[in-house]
Amino acid sequence: MQHGKYRFIVGFLAAPLAIYVLFVIWPFIQSIYYSFTDWSGLSPDFAMVGFDNYSRMLEDDVFWKSFQHSALFVLLLPLVTIGLALFFAFMLNVGGRRGKGAAIAGVRGSAFYKIVYFFPQVLSIAIVALLFQFAYNPNSGALNSALDAVGLDSVQPNWLGDPDLALWCVMAVLVWSTVGFFVVLFSAGMSSIPNDFYEAALLDGANRFTTFFRITLPLLWDTVQSGWVYMGILALGAESFAVVQIMTVGPNGGGPDYSTTVLPLYVYQKAFRDGQAAYATTIGVALLVVTLAFAAVVMRLGRRERLEY
């Protein structure tokens, strides 16, 4: 049984690892290399400039604005999204009235609600951003029209044109578009927890609040931790870039006065709008460091003894 085991393993792993190194690891190495050059992205000629791009980045006010917005995204979006998803999933699986012969039950119509919550995942993020761009329109959008219908015509915010509101509007769209995925994910995890645990706790006098924090959350912790990291990567990556790029306004992109500019969008602007590919890769390296630091902190702070059942 042991004969040729390692050749068998290497034979199956060689091709996937080669593809991963070629299309994931190697571009990262190239980006780090180009960050020490003055490459424009168009010309094959470039020169080494050392740490000039990094010095420029540290003195760039727009970079620091983008960094603050991305940091706000990665701190608040996972917290709000995971919190809402846990609440909805708990209500769908455990939060209903007790039925006949069952100590626990989900709310009535829980299967239908799961489909409704998951529906935004069916839509492309570009379509979601366009729909909410129309909804936020200050003149004919659904939000201001609803305010006008209930007699609040004097309250007509310029949702995406107000520097104080634009970033929060974008964050609301990201929460709406991603929370359904985690509701379904956590519901699947909760459905695998034996009902005997809940029944025993309820017989001992525990309420829903206690069962959530003493039974559901500890047994679901590995899934929550993975979801937290995944949501943070979405907040720092393509999801935030797409929503900000499509929804927000302004002559320079990224909202009025760069009020919604995030690091992925700033990388795109510098590389493809301004022809400064080397500087863009420098910002990309900073984004990579932030992403790795976030994942490391979450995995370290969330480490706990594994519970099995």
Foldseek 3Di string as FASTA:
>chain_A
DPPCPVVVVCVVVVVVVVVCCVPPVVVLVVLVVLLQWQALLPDPDIDGNGCPLVVVLVVDPLNVLQAVLLVCLLVPLLVVLLVVLLVLLCQQAFVDDADVPAPGGHHPPSVVVLCVQCVLVVDDLLVLLVLVLQLLCQPRHVVQVVCVVVPNVVDRDNQQQDLVRNSVSLSVSLSSNPSSVSNVVLNVQVVPFDSVVVVVCVVVPDDSVCCCVPPSCQQCLVVSLVSSLVSSCCSLDDSLLSNQQNRHDDPLGCTPPVSRNHLVNVLVCSVPVVSRNSSSSVSVVVSVVVSVVSSVVSCVVSDDDHDDD
